[in-house]
Amino acid sequence: MVASLRHEAKSLITLAAFIVVFLLTFVWHEFGMIGTFLVMMGWIMPYKRIENNIKRL
C-alpha cells in the first residue's frame, strides 16, 4: 500500500497544504482546525489506486 502513494500528486499536494496550514497557524490559531478540515475534505473522494491495492489483498 505504501508503494501506491509514491509520487502521487494528491499526496504531495496534501503534504504541501499541511505545511502551509502549520505555518499559518502561528498567525491565526483557528486556521489550524479550519485548514486541517479543508485538507482532509480532499481525501473524502475515492483514491482509486489504494482501492485497487486493497482489493488485491
C-alpha atoms as a PDB file:
ATOM      1  CA  MET A   1       0.000   0.000   0.000  1.00  0.00           C
ATOM      2  CA  VAL A   2       2.898   2.384   0.668  1.00  0.00           C
ATOM      3  CA  ALA A   3       4.146   1.876  -2.880  1.00  0.00           C
ATOM      4  CA  SER A   4       0.804   3.096  -4.203  1.00  0.00           C
ATOM      5  CA  LEU A   5       1.375   6.504  -2.567  1.00  0.00           C
ATOM      6  CA  ARG A   6       4.751   7.216  -4.113  1.00  0.00           C
ATOM      7  CA  HIS A   7       4.941  10.218  -6.395  1.00  0.00           C
ATOM      8  CA  GLU A   8       1.225  10.853  -6.332  1.00  0.00           C
ATOM      9  CA  ALA A   9       0.117  14.406  -6.939  1.00  0.00           C
ATOM     10  CA  LYS A  10      -2.595  14.146  -4.302  1.00  0.00           C
ATOM     11  CA  SER A  11      -0.131  13.056  -1.620  1.00  0.00           C
ATOM     12  CA  LEU A  12       2.365  15.786  -2.465  1.00  0.00           C
ATOM     13  CA  ILE A  13      -0.346  18.453  -2.534  1.00  0.00           C
ATOM     14  CA  THR A  14      -1.621  17.247   0.832  1.00  0.00           C
ATOM     15  CA  LEU A  15       1.861  17.442   2.334  1.00  0.00           C
ATOM     16  CA  ALA A  16       2.384  20.957   0.994  1.00  0.00           C
ATOM     17  CA  ALA A  17      -1.054  22.037   2.222  1.00  0.00           C
ATOM     18  CA  PHE A  18      -0.356  20.714   5.727  1.00  0.00           C
ATOM     19  CA  ILE A  19       2.931  22.616   5.815  1.00  0.00           C
ATOM     20  CA  VAL A  20       1.123  25.823   4.817  1.00  0.00           C
ATOM     21  CA  VAL A  21      -1.581  25.173   7.424  1.00  0.00           C
ATOM     22  CA  PHE A  22       1.070  24.572  10.073  1.00  0.00           C
ATOM     23  CA  LEU A  23       2.855  27.830   9.286  1.00  0.00           C
ATOM     24  CA  LEU A  24      -0.344  29.892   9.093  1.00  0.00           C
ATOM     25  CA  THR A  25      -1.445  28.507  12.451  1.00  0.00           C
ATOM     26  CA  PHE A  26       1.208  30.679  14.095  1.00  0.00           C
ATOM     27  CA  VAL A  27      -0.516  33.766  12.668  1.00  0.00           C
ATOM     28  CA  TRP A  28      -4.169  32.747  13.027  1.00  0.00           C
ATOM     29  CA  HIS A  29      -4.687  29.943  15.567  1.00  0.00           C
ATOM     30  CA  GLU A  30      -8.159  28.954  14.380  1.00  0.00           C
ATOM     31  CA  PHE A  31      -6.809  28.299  10.891  1.00  0.00           C
ATOM     32  CA  GLY A  32      -5.183  25.138  12.222  1.00  0.00           C
ATOM     33  CA  MET A  33      -8.563  23.471  12.664  1.00  0.00           C
ATOM     34  CA  ILE A  34     -10.143  25.025   9.587  1.00  0.00           C
ATOM     35  CA  GLY A  35      -7.167  24.303   7.339  1.00  0.00           C
ATOM     36  CA  THR A  36      -6.824  20.721   8.518  1.00  0.00           C
ATOM     37  CA  PHE A  37     -10.520  20.150   7.876  1.00  0.00           C
ATOM     38  CA  LEU A  38     -10.248  21.596   4.360  1.00  0.00           C
ATOM     39  CA  VAL A  39      -7.226  19.468   3.501  1.00  0.00           C
ATOM     40  CA  MET A  40      -8.938  16.332   4.797  1.00  0.00           C
ATOM     41  CA  MET A  41     -12.012  17.070   2.679  1.00  0.00           C
ATOM     42  CA  GLY A  42      -9.840  16.316  -0.348  1.00  0.00           C
ATOM     43  CA  TRP A  43      -9.369  12.763   0.903  1.00  0.00           C
ATOM     44  CA  ILE A  44     -13.095  12.044   1.026  1.00  0.00           C
ATOM     45  CA  MET A  45     -13.046  11.495  -2.713  1.00  0.00           C
ATOM     46  CA  PRO A  46     -12.111   7.893  -3.538  1.00  0.00           C
ATOM     47  CA  TYR A  47      -8.458   7.189  -4.185  1.00  0.00           C
ATOM     48  CA  LYS A  48      -8.589   4.572  -6.945  1.00  0.00           C
ATOM     49  CA  ARG A  49      -5.024   3.311  -6.707  1.00  0.00           C
ATOM     50  CA  ILE A  50      -5.346   2.495  -2.995  1.00  0.00           C
ATOM     51  CA  GLU A  51      -8.766   0.927  -3.505  1.00  0.00           C
ATOM     52  CA  ASN A  52      -7.357  -1.338  -6.206  1.00  0.00           C
ATOM     53  CA  ASN A  53      -4.448  -2.411  -3.993  1.00  0.00           C
ATOM     54  CA  ILE A  54      -6.775  -3.186  -1.092  1.00  0.00           C
ATOM     55  CA  LYS A  55      -8.986  -5.303  -3.359  1.00  0.00           C
ATOM     56  CA  ARG A  56      -5.932  -7.359  -4.329  1.00  0.00           C
ATOM     57  CA  LEU A  57      -5.233  -8.233  -0.691  1.00  0.00           C
END
